[in-house]
PDB file of N, CA and C in Angstrom:
ATOM      1  N   MET A   1     115.791 146.753 115.120  1.00  0.00           N
ATOM      2  CA  MET A   1     115.802 145.633 116.029  1.00  0.00           C
ATOM      3  C   MET A   1     115.362 144.290 115.414  1.00  0.00           C
ATOM      4  N   LYS A   2     114.475 144.650 114.183  1.00  0.00           N
ATOM      5  CA  LYS A   2     113.952 143.556 113.159  1.00  0.00           C
ATOM      6  C   LYS A   2     115.297 142.748 112.668  1.00  0.00           C
ATOM      7  N   LYS A   3     116.193 143.437 112.431  1.00  0.00           N
ATOM      8  CA  LYS A   3     117.480 142.888 111.899  1.00  0.00           C
ATOM      9  C   LYS A   3     118.245 142.180 112.916  1.00  0.00           C
ATOM     10  N   ARG A   4     118.230 142.237 114.025  1.00  0.00           N
ATOM     11  CA  ARG A   4     119.062 141.656 114.878  1.00  0.00           C
ATOM     12  C   ARG A   4     118.212 140.521 115.073  1.00  0.00           C
ATOM     13  N   THR A   5     116.653 140.511 115.417  1.00  0.00           N
ATOM     14  CA  THR A   5     115.745 139.291 115.385  1.00  0.00           C
ATOM     15  C   THR A   5     116.012 138.364 114.267  1.00  0.00           C
ATOM     16  N   LEU A   6     116.308 138.988 113.143  1.00  0.00           N
ATOM     17  CA  LEU A   6     116.455 138.025 111.886  1.00  0.00           C
ATOM     18  C   LEU A   6     117.645 137.375 111.958  1.00  0.00           C
ATOM     19  N   MET A   7     119.012 137.891 112.235  1.00  0.00           N
ATOM     20  CA  MET A   7     120.152 137.627 112.679  1.00  0.00           C
ATOM     21  C   MET A   7     119.951 136.460 113.616  1.00  0.00           C
ATOM     22  N   LEU A   8     119.461 136.665 114.722  1.00  0.00           N
ATOM     23  CA  LEU A   8     119.319 135.548 115.627  1.00  0.00           C
ATOM     24  C   LEU A   8     118.524 134.359 115.218  1.00  0.00           C
ATOM     25  N   LEU A   9     117.738 134.332 114.285  1.00  0.00           N
ATOM     26  CA  LEU A   9     116.882 133.226 113.943  1.00  0.00           C
ATOM     27  C   LEU A   9     117.672 132.536 112.785  1.00  0.00           C
ATOM     28  N   CYS A  10     118.523 133.123 111.985  1.00  0.00           N
ATOM     29  CA  CYS A  10     119.310 132.490 111.067  1.00  0.00           C
ATOM     30  C   CYS A  10     120.427 131.705 112.127  1.00  0.00           C
ATOM     31  N   ALA A  11     120.856 132.336 112.692  1.00  0.00           N
ATOM     32  CA  ALA A  11     121.801 131.454 113.582  1.00  0.00           C
ATOM     33  C   ALA A  11     121.465 130.270 114.230  1.00  0.00           C
ATOM     34  N   MET A  12     120.177 130.375 114.852  1.00  0.00           N
ATOM     35  CA  MET A  12     119.302 129.234 115.249  1.00  0.00           C
ATOM     36  C   MET A  12     119.122 128.259 114.442  1.00  0.00           C
ATOM     37  N   LEU A  13     118.615 128.509 113.140  1.00  0.00           N
ATOM     38  CA  LEU A  13     118.631 127.619 112.325  1.00  0.00           C
ATOM     39  C   LEU A  13     119.891 126.818 111.861  1.00  0.00           C
ATOM     40  N   LEU A  14     120.903 127.763 111.732  1.00  0.00           N
ATOM     41  CA  LEU A  14     122.117 126.960 111.433  1.00  0.00           C
ATOM     42  C   LEU A  14     122.610 125.708 112.447  1.00  0.00           C
ATOM     43  N   THR A  15     122.463 126.335 113.679  1.00  0.00           N
ATOM     44  CA  THR A  15     123.010 125.596 114.852  1.00  0.00           C
ATOM     45  C   THR A  15     122.151 124.087 114.895  1.00  0.00           C
ATOM     46  N   ILE A  16     120.706 124.278 114.580  1.00  0.00           N
ATOM     47  CA  ILE A  16     119.816 123.413 114.688  1.00  0.00           C
ATOM     48  C   ILE A  16     120.157 122.300 113.034  1.00  0.00           C
ATOM     49  N   GLY A  17     120.228 122.754 112.272  1.00  0.00           N
ATOM     50  CA  GLY A  17     120.755 122.352 110.914  1.00  0.00           C
ATOM     51  C   GLY A  17     121.989 121.574 111.105  1.00  0.00           C
ATOM     52  N   SER A  18     122.686 122.039 111.848  1.00  0.00           N
ATOM     53  CA  SER A  18     124.115 121.352 111.973  1.00  0.00           C
ATOM     54  C   SER A  18     124.235 120.077 112.796  1.00  0.00           C
ATOM     55  N   ALA A  19     122.876 120.241 113.541  1.00  0.00           N
ATOM     56  CA  ALA A  19     122.942 119.310 114.922  1.00  0.00           C
ATOM     57  C   ALA A  19     122.421 118.157 114.031  1.00  0.00           C
ATOM     58  N   PHE A  20     121.773 118.190 112.770  1.00  0.00           N
ATOM     59  CA  PHE A  20     121.215 116.803 112.353  1.00  0.00           C
ATOM     60  C   PHE A  20     121.871 116.511 111.074  1.00  0.00           C
ATOM     61  N   ALA A  21     122.892 117.054 110.711  1.00  0.00           N
ATOM     62  CA  ALA A  21     123.708 116.754 109.754  1.00  0.00           C
ATOM     63  C   ALA A  21     124.628 115.464 109.277  1.00  0.00           C
ATOM     64  N   GLN A  22     124.636 115.043 108.310  1.00  0.00           N
ATOM     65  CA  GLN A  22     125.266 113.233 108.423  1.00  0.00           C
ATOM     66  C   GLN A  22     126.529 113.539 108.198  1.00  0.00           C
ATOM     67  N   ILE A  23     127.384 112.725 108.631  1.00  0.00           N
ATOM     68  CA  ILE A  23     128.586 112.788 108.271  1.00  0.00           C
ATOM     69  C   ILE A  23     129.196 111.828 107.258  1.00  0.00           C
ATOM     70  N   LYS A  24     129.677 111.561 106.426  1.00  0.00           N
ATOM     71  CA  LYS A  24     130.135 110.777 105.104  1.00  0.00           C
ATOM     72  C   LYS A  24     131.422 110.142 105.573  1.00  0.00           C
ATOM     73  N   VAL A  25     131.429 108.737 105.839  1.00  0.00           N
ATOM     74  CA  VAL A  25     132.792 108.198 106.044  1.00  0.00           C
ATOM     75  C   VAL A  25     132.929 107.343 104.691  1.00  0.00           C
ATOM     76  N   SER A  26     133.945 107.092 104.183  1.00  0.00           N
ATOM     77  CA  SER A  26     134.425 106.227 103.150  1.00  0.00           C
ATOM     78  C   SER A  26     135.913 105.357 103.279  1.00  0.00           C
ATOM     79  N   GLY A  27     136.230 104.498 102.453  1.00  0.00           N
ATOM     80  CA  GLY A  27     137.076 103.621 102.757  1.00  0.00           C
ATOM     81  C   GLY A  27     137.184 102.459 101.916  1.00  0.00           C
ATOM     82  N   VAL A  28     138.184 101.577 102.299  1.00  0.00           N
ATOM     83  CA  VAL A  28     137.958 100.193 101.506  1.00  0.00           C
ATOM     84  C   VAL A  28     138.352  98.983 102.369  1.00  0.00           C
ATOM     85  N   VAL A  29     137.824  97.889 102.041  1.00  0.00           N
ATOM     86  CA  VAL A  29     137.764  96.954 103.085  1.00  0.00           C
ATOM     87  C   VAL A  29     138.528  96.013 102.432  1.00  0.00           C
ATOM     88  N   THR A  30     139.509  95.160 102.774  1.00  0.00           N
ATOM     89  CA  THR A  30     140.539  94.425 102.161  1.00  0.00           C
ATOM     90  C   THR A  30     140.634  93.034 102.723  1.00  0.00           C
ATOM     91  N   ASP A  31     141.169  92.124 102.400  1.00  0.00           N
ATOM     92  CA  ASP A  31     141.427  90.625 102.828  1.00  0.00           C
ATOM     93  C   ASP A  31     143.030  90.980 103.594  1.00  0.00           C
ATOM     94  N   ALA A  32     142.943  90.532 104.871  1.00  0.00           N
ATOM     95  CA  ALA A  32     144.181  90.293 105.431  1.00  0.00           C
ATOM     96  C   ALA A  32     145.194  89.593 104.898  1.00  0.00           C
ATOM     97  N   LYS A  33     144.905  88.263 104.062  1.00  0.00           N
ATOM     98  CA  LYS A  33     145.981  87.350 103.524  1.00  0.00           C
ATOM     99  C   LYS A  33     146.509  87.767 102.574  1.00  0.00           C
ATOM    100  N   ASP A  34     145.627  88.638 101.486  1.00  0.00           N
ATOM    101  CA  ASP A  34     146.613  88.773 100.429  1.00  0.00           C
ATOM    102  C   ASP A  34     146.329  90.539  99.560  1.00  0.00           C
ATOM    103  N   GLY A  35     145.498  91.295 100.854  1.00  0.00           N
ATOM    104  CA  GLY A  35     145.480  92.708 100.507  1.00  0.00           C
ATOM    105  C   GLY A  35     144.485  93.157  99.206  1.00  0.00           C
ATOM    106  N   GLN A  36     143.813  92.026  99.002  1.00  0.00           N
ATOM    107  CA  GLN A  36     142.709  92.134  97.741  1.00  0.00           C
ATOM    108  C   GLN A  36     141.384  92.430  98.217  1.00  0.00           C
ATOM    109  N   PRO A  37     140.625  93.309  97.732  1.00  0.00           N
ATOM    110  CA  PRO A  37     139.343  94.253  97.902  1.00  0.00           C
ATOM    111  C   PRO A  37     138.307  93.085  98.391  1.00  0.00           C
ATOM    112  N   ILE A  38     137.544  93.412  99.346  1.00  0.00           N
ATOM    113  CA  ILE A  38     136.610  92.301  99.589  1.00  0.00           C
ATOM    114  C   ILE A  38     135.080  93.018  99.271  1.00  0.00           C
ATOM    115  N   PRO A  39     134.591  92.468  97.789  1.00  0.00           N
ATOM    116  CA  PRO A  39     133.414  93.236  97.465  1.00  0.00           C
ATOM    117  C   PRO A  39     132.101  92.657  98.155  1.00  0.00           C
ATOM    118  N   PHE A  40     130.934  93.285  98.123  1.00  0.00           N
ATOM    119  CA  PHE A  40     129.880  93.107  99.086  1.00  0.00           C
ATOM    120  C   PHE A  40     129.994  92.879 100.547  1.00  0.00           C
ATOM    121  N   ALA A  41     131.043  93.547 100.811  1.00  0.00           N
ATOM    122  CA  ALA A  41     131.119  93.419 102.465  1.00  0.00           C
ATOM    123  C   ALA A  41     129.937  94.331 103.144  1.00  0.00           C
ATOM    124  N   SER A  42     129.592  94.021 104.248  1.00  0.00           N
ATOM    125  CA  SER A  42     128.651  94.757 104.604  1.00  0.00           C
ATOM    126  C   SER A  42     128.905  95.876 105.540  1.00  0.00           C
ATOM    127  N   VAL A  43     128.869  97.009 105.727  1.00  0.00           N
ATOM    128  CA  VAL A  43     129.287  98.197 106.383  1.00  0.00           C
ATOM    129  C   VAL A  43     127.911  99.034 106.967  1.00  0.00           C
ATOM    130  N   VAL A  44     127.608  98.567 108.412  1.00  0.00           N
ATOM    131  CA  VAL A  44     126.510  99.092 109.134  1.00  0.00           C
ATOM    132  C   VAL A  44     127.064 100.025 110.251  1.00  0.00           C
ATOM    133  N   VAL A  45     126.185 101.144 110.507  1.00  0.00           N
ATOM    134  CA  VAL A  45     126.428 101.920 111.638  1.00  0.00           C
ATOM    135  C   VAL A  45     125.486 101.003 112.854  1.00  0.00           C
ATOM    136  N   LYS A  46     126.418 100.927 113.578  1.00  0.00           N
ATOM    137  CA  LYS A  46     126.207 100.068 114.963  1.00  0.00           C
ATOM    138  C   LYS A  46     124.801 100.779 115.707  1.00  0.00           C
ATOM    139  N   GLY A  47     123.969  99.876 115.959  1.00  0.00           N
ATOM    140  CA  GLY A  47     122.639 100.370 116.315  1.00  0.00           C
ATOM    141  C   GLY A  47     121.564 100.725 115.705  1.00  0.00           C
ATOM    142  N   THR A  48     121.988 100.733 114.416  1.00  0.00           N
ATOM    143  CA  THR A  48     120.893 101.595 113.723  1.00  0.00           C
ATOM    144  C   THR A  48     120.671 100.478 112.201  1.00  0.00           C
ATOM    145  N   GLN A  49     119.792 100.899 111.411  1.00  0.00           N
ATOM    146  CA  GLN A  49     119.793  99.918 110.319  1.00  0.00           C
ATOM    147  C   GLN A  49     120.237 100.721 109.000  1.00  0.00           C
ATOM    148  N   THR A  50     121.209 101.580 109.220  1.00  0.00           N
ATOM    149  CA  THR A  50     121.643 102.426 108.400  1.00  0.00           C
ATOM    150  C   THR A  50     122.834 101.746 107.704  1.00  0.00           C
ATOM    151  N   GLY A  51     123.186 101.594 106.526  1.00  0.00           N
ATOM    152  CA  GLY A  51     124.545 100.847 106.319  1.00  0.00           C
ATOM    153  C   GLY A  51     124.275 100.875 104.614  1.00  0.00           C
ATOM    154  N   THR A  52     125.850 100.252 104.123  1.00  0.00           N
ATOM    155  CA  THR A  52     125.722  99.977 102.751  1.00  0.00           C
ATOM    156  C   THR A  52     126.757  98.519 102.507  1.00  0.00           C
ATOM    157  N   ALA A  53     127.097  98.382 101.296  1.00  0.00           N
ATOM    158  CA  ALA A  53     127.844  97.145 100.984  1.00  0.00           C
ATOM    159  C   ALA A  53     129.283  97.727 100.154  1.00  0.00           C
ATOM    160  N   SER A  54     130.150  97.137 100.267  1.00  0.00           N
ATOM    161  CA  SER A  54     131.334  97.698  99.370  1.00  0.00           C
ATOM    162  C   SER A  54     130.980  97.199  98.083  1.00  0.00           C
ATOM    163  N   ASP A  55     131.551  98.126  97.153  1.00  0.00           N
ATOM    164  CA  ASP A  55     131.268  97.621  95.579  1.00  0.00           C
ATOM    165  C   ASP A  55     132.513  96.696  95.426  1.00  0.00           C
ATOM    166  N   ALA A  56     132.792  96.313  94.331  1.00  0.00           N
ATOM    167  CA  ALA A  56     133.365  95.198  93.504  1.00  0.00           C
ATOM    168  C   ALA A  56     135.002  95.623  93.731  1.00  0.00           C
ATOM    169  N   ASP A  57     135.058  97.031  93.794  1.00  0.00           N
ATOM    170  CA  ASP A  57     136.832  97.301  94.227  1.00  0.00           C
ATOM    171  C   ASP A  57     136.886  97.550  95.788  1.00  0.00           C
ATOM    172  N   GLY A  58     136.192  96.907  96.808  1.00  0.00           N
ATOM    173  CA  GLY A  58     136.029  97.247  98.230  1.00  0.00           C
ATOM    174  C   GLY A  58     135.786  98.190  98.787  1.00  0.00           C
ATOM    175  N   LYS A  59     135.572  99.580  97.917  1.00  0.00           N
ATOM    176  CA  LYS A  59     135.236 100.492  98.215  1.00  0.00           C
ATOM    177  C   LYS A  59     133.760 100.681  98.530  1.00  0.00           C
ATOM    178  N   TYR A  60     133.510 101.511  99.815  1.00  0.00           N
ATOM    179  CA  TYR A  60     132.374 101.853 100.448  1.00  0.00           C
ATOM    180  C   TYR A  60     132.231 103.388 100.810  1.00  0.00           C
ATOM    181  N   THR A  61     130.986 104.147 100.927  1.00  0.00           N
ATOM    182  CA  THR A  61     130.546 105.288 101.550  1.00  0.00           C
ATOM    183  C   THR A  61     129.126 105.241 102.368  1.00  0.00           C
ATOM    184  N   VAL A  62     129.269 105.742 103.423  1.00  0.00           N
ATOM    185  CA  VAL A  62     128.189 105.361 104.431  1.00  0.00           C
ATOM    186  C   VAL A  62     128.246 106.731 104.899  1.00  0.00           C
ATOM    187  N   SER A  63     126.960 107.212 105.699  1.00  0.00           N
ATOM    188  CA  SER A  63     126.647 108.531 106.285  1.00  0.00           C
ATOM    189  C   SER A  63     126.449 107.756 107.508  1.00  0.00           C
ATOM    190  N   VAL A  64     127.007 108.598 108.567  1.00  0.00           N
ATOM    191  CA  VAL A  64     126.950 108.439 110.027  1.00  0.00           C
ATOM    192  C   VAL A  64     126.136 109.520 110.770  1.00  0.00           C
ATOM    193  N   PRO A  65     125.442 109.386 111.756  1.00  0.00           N
ATOM    194  CA  PRO A  65     125.198 110.226 112.308  1.00  0.00           C
ATOM    195  C   PRO A  65     125.916 111.175 113.187  1.00  0.00           C
ATOM    196  N   ASN A  66     127.183 110.611 113.450  1.00  0.00           N
ATOM    197  CA  ASN A  66     128.001 111.817 114.544  1.00  0.00           C
ATOM    198  C   ASN A  66     129.477 111.142 114.191  1.00  0.00           C
ATOM    199  N   SER A  67     130.362 111.989 114.716  1.00  0.00           N
ATOM    200  CA  SER A  67     131.545 111.541 114.456  1.00  0.00           C
ATOM    201  C   SER A  67     132.042 110.604 115.463  1.00  0.00           C
ATOM    202  N   ASN A  68     131.509 110.078 116.455  1.00  0.00           N
ATOM    203  CA  ASN A  68     131.704 108.936 117.505  1.00  0.00           C
ATOM    204  C   ASN A  68     130.962 107.697 117.153  1.00  0.00           C
ATOM    205  N   SER A  69     130.304 107.781 115.982  1.00  0.00           N
ATOM    206  CA  SER A  69     129.892 106.372 115.529  1.00  0.00           C
ATOM    207  C   SER A  69     130.679 105.268 115.366  1.00  0.00           C
ATOM    208  N   VAL A  70     129.849 104.256 115.645  1.00  0.00           N
ATOM    209  CA  VAL A  70     130.689 102.905 115.400  1.00  0.00           C
ATOM    210  C   VAL A  70     130.118 102.159 114.125  1.00  0.00           C
ATOM    211  N   LEU A  71     131.151 101.656 113.379  1.00  0.00           N
ATOM    212  CA  LEU A  71     130.759 100.703 112.022  1.00  0.00           C
ATOM    213  C   LEU A  71     131.034  99.297 112.228  1.00  0.00           C
ATOM    214  N   VAL A  72     130.062  98.366 111.961  1.00  0.00           N
ATOM    215  CA  VAL A  72     130.510  97.091 111.800  1.00  0.00           C
ATOM    216  C   VAL A  72     130.420  96.416 110.668  1.00  0.00           C
ATOM    217  N   PHE A  73     131.765  95.992 110.269  1.00  0.00           N
ATOM    218  CA  PHE A  73     132.244  95.610 108.802  1.00  0.00           C
ATOM    219  C   PHE A  73     132.163  93.872 109.015  1.00  0.00           C
ATOM    220  N   SER A  74     131.187  93.216 108.062  1.00  0.00           N
ATOM    221  CA  SER A  74     131.385  91.912 107.727  1.00  0.00           C
ATOM    222  C   SER A  74     131.347  91.240 106.507  1.00  0.00           C
ATOM    223  N   SER A  75     131.672  90.277 106.725  1.00  0.00           N
ATOM    224  CA  SER A  75     131.305  89.698 105.045  1.00  0.00           C
ATOM    225  C   SER A  75     131.627  88.046 105.456  1.00  0.00           C
ATOM    226  N   ILE A  76     130.731  87.299 104.537  1.00  0.00           N
ATOM    227  CA  ILE A  76     130.683  85.716 104.797  1.00  0.00           C
ATOM    228  C   ILE A  76     132.354  85.311 104.513  1.00  0.00           C
ATOM    229  N   GLY A  77     132.835  84.426 105.724  1.00  0.00           N
ATOM    230  CA  GLY A  77     134.114  83.815 105.833  1.00  0.00           C
ATOM    231  C   GLY A  77     135.024  84.512 106.435  1.00  0.00           C
ATOM    232  N   TYR A  78     134.743  86.156 106.767  1.00  0.00           N
ATOM    233  CA  TYR A  78     135.552  86.632 107.386  1.00  0.00           C
ATOM    234  C   TYR A  78     135.037  87.365 109.120  1.00  0.00           C
ATOM    235  N   THR A  79     136.018  87.500 109.617  1.00  0.00           N
ATOM    236  CA  THR A  79     135.462  88.048 111.284  1.00  0.00           C
ATOM    237  C   THR A  79     134.940  89.085 111.014  1.00  0.00           C
ATOM    238  N   THR A  80     133.777  89.487 111.954  1.00  0.00           N
ATOM    239  CA  THR A  80     133.218  90.921 111.873  1.00  0.00           C
ATOM    240  C   THR A  80     134.208  91.797 112.731  1.00  0.00           C
ATOM    241  N   GLN A  81     133.895  92.919 112.332  1.00  0.00           N
ATOM    242  CA  GLN A  81     135.220  94.219 113.261  1.00  0.00           C
ATOM    243  C   GLN A  81     134.211  94.961 113.318  1.00  0.00           C
ATOM    244  N   GLU A  82     134.383  95.852 114.351  1.00  0.00           N
ATOM    245  CA  GLU A  82     133.735  97.021 114.786  1.00  0.00           C
ATOM    246  C   GLU A  82     134.875  98.184 114.857  1.00  0.00           C
ATOM    247  N   VAL A  83     134.818  99.400 114.219  1.00  0.00           N
ATOM    248  CA  VAL A  83     135.571 100.351 114.203  1.00  0.00           C
ATOM    249  C   VAL A  83     134.725 101.642 114.288  1.00  0.00           C
ATOM    250  N   GLU A  84     135.497 102.206 115.667  1.00  0.00           N
ATOM    251  CA  GLU A  84     134.923 103.749 116.015  1.00  0.00           C
ATOM    252  C   GLU A  84     135.385 104.825 114.934  1.00  0.00           C
ATOM    253  N   ALA A  85     134.696 105.578 114.637  1.00  0.00           N
ATOM    254  CA  ALA A  85     134.668 106.632 113.557  1.00  0.00           C
ATOM    255  C   ALA A  85     136.025 107.503 114.121  1.00  0.00           C
ATOM    256  N   ASN A  86     135.768 108.329 115.127  1.00  0.00           N
ATOM    257  CA  ASN A  86     136.525 108.910 116.187  1.00  0.00           C
ATOM    258  C   ASN A  86     136.643 110.289 115.269  1.00  0.00           C
ATOM    259  N   GLY A  87     135.969 110.587 114.271  1.00  0.00           N
ATOM    260  CA  GLY A  87     135.805 111.746 113.467  1.00  0.00           C
ATOM    261  C   GLY A  87     136.565 111.580 111.966  1.00  0.00           C
ATOM    262  N   ARG A  88     137.012 109.984 111.944  1.00  0.00           N
ATOM    263  CA  ARG A  88     137.796 110.332 110.575  1.00  0.00           C
ATOM    264  C   ARG A  88     136.676 110.012 109.319  1.00  0.00           C
ATOM    265  N   ALA A  89     137.076 110.927 108.552  1.00  0.00           N
ATOM    266  CA  ALA A  89     136.275 110.744 107.220  1.00  0.00           C
ATOM    267  C   ALA A  89     136.520 109.523 106.379  1.00  0.00           C
ATOM    268  N   ASN A  90     137.993 109.353 106.423  1.00  0.00           N
ATOM    269  CA  ASN A  90     138.371 107.778 105.528  1.00  0.00           C
ATOM    270  C   ASN A  90     138.767 106.573 106.634  1.00  0.00           C
ATOM    271  N   ILE A  91     138.084 105.669 106.471  1.00  0.00           N
ATOM    272  CA  ILE A  91     138.638 104.697 107.212  1.00  0.00           C
ATOM    273  C   ILE A  91     138.406 103.207 106.451  1.00  0.00           C
ATOM    274  N   ASN A  92     140.091 102.732 106.413  1.00  0.00           N
ATOM    275  CA  ASN A  92     140.423 101.581 105.624  1.00  0.00           C
ATOM    276  C   ASN A  92     140.341 100.520 106.585  1.00  0.00           C
ATOM    277  N   VAL A  93     139.733  99.035 106.216  1.00  0.00           N
ATOM    278  CA  VAL A  93     139.489  97.962 107.065  1.00  0.00           C
ATOM    279  C   VAL A  93     139.749  96.994 106.178  1.00  0.00           C
ATOM    280  N   ILE A  94     140.921  95.863 107.066  1.00  0.00           N
ATOM    281  CA  ILE A  94     141.487  94.913 106.924  1.00  0.00           C
ATOM    282  C   ILE A  94     140.722  93.748 107.576  1.00  0.00           C
ATOM    283  N   LEU A  95     139.862  92.963 106.531  1.00  0.00           N
ATOM    284  CA  LEU A  95     139.243  91.511 107.357  1.00  0.00           C
ATOM    285  C   LEU A  95     140.082  90.538 107.431  1.00  0.00           C
ATOM    286  N   SER A  96     139.956  89.883 108.855  1.00  0.00           N
ATOM    287  CA  SER A  96     140.690  88.347 108.679  1.00  0.00           C
ATOM    288  C   SER A  96     139.587  87.449 108.316  1.00  0.00           C
ATOM    289  N   ALA A  97     140.066  86.218 107.533  1.00  0.00           N
ATOM    290  CA  ALA A  97     139.418  85.062 107.226  1.00  0.00           C
ATOM    291  C   ALA A  97     138.758  84.503 108.793  1.00  0.00           C
ATOM    292  N   ASP A  98     137.713  83.703 108.657  1.00  0.00           N
ATOM    293  CA  ASP A  98     137.057  83.588 110.114  1.00  0.00           C
ATOM    294  C   ASP A  98     137.068  81.937 109.672  1.00  0.00           C
ATOM    295  N   SER A  99     138.033  81.239 110.542  1.00  0.00           N
ATOM    296  CA  SER A  99     138.864  80.074 110.421  1.00  0.00           C
ATOM    297  C   SER A  99     137.747  79.075 111.190  1.00  0.00           C
ATOM    298  N   GLU A 100     136.788  79.393 111.690  1.00  0.00           N
ATOM    299  CA  GLU A 100     135.390  78.624 112.140  1.00  0.00           C
ATOM    300  C   GLU A 100     134.795  78.677 111.498  1.00  0.00           C
ATOM    301  N   SER A 101     134.345  79.364 110.582  1.00  0.00           N
ATOM    302  CA  SER A 101     133.345  79.438 109.348  1.00  0.00           C
ATOM    303  C   SER A 101     133.756  78.619 108.268  1.00  0.00           C
ATOM    304  N   LEU A 102     135.264  78.658 108.166  1.00  0.00           N
ATOM    305  CA  LEU A 102     135.710  77.643 107.059  1.00  0.00           C
ATOM    306  C   LEU A 102     135.894  76.117 107.290  1.00  0.00           C
ATOM    307  N   ASP A 103     136.019  75.942 108.634  1.00  0.00           N
ATOM    308  CA  ASP A 103     135.959  74.366 109.059  1.00  0.00           C
ATOM    309  C   ASP A 103     134.546  73.868 108.723  1.00  0.00           C
ATOM    310  N   GLU A 104     133.731  74.673 108.766  1.00  0.00           N
ATOM    311  CA  GLU A 104     132.106  74.383 108.070  1.00  0.00           C
ATOM    312  C   GLU A 104     131.797  74.272 107.181  1.00  0.00           C
ATOM    313  N   VAL A 105     132.468  74.429 106.192  1.00  0.00           N
ATOM    314  CA  VAL A 105     131.765  74.424 104.647  1.00  0.00           C
ATOM    315  C   VAL A 105     132.348  73.094 104.293  1.00  0.00           C
ATOM    316  N   MET A 106     131.483  72.773 103.614  1.00  0.00           N
ATOM    317  CA  MET A 106     131.462  70.900 102.856  1.00  0.00           C
ATOM    318  C   MET A 106     131.203  71.200 101.298  1.00  0.00           C
ATOM    319  N   VAL A 107     132.027  70.274 100.878  1.00  0.00           N
ATOM    320  CA  VAL A 107     132.044  69.821  99.581  1.00  0.00           C
ATOM    321  C   VAL A 107     131.620  68.673  99.015  1.00  0.00           C
TER     322      VAL A 107
END
């Protein structure tokens, strides 16, 4: 009887632990014009304060709370893009130049 109770308790703990597990998503953020990496692009889990920035090579890794999370990619001079994770562990994003923000730049 004690063995069965212990096994049931272990099964419950594993189930609860997996409910709180974070999923890692990684990828590369690149420019639509020339395919170059975009360093320091912001990657945020929509509706949270969880996020990161891409490195000098445009690579990022972020933990999402579930496989249905939405990632918001943004960078100065580029159009913000939202991408659903849909259970993917690798998401590469191509950002397009934001022509409106380029018109506002003064020299």
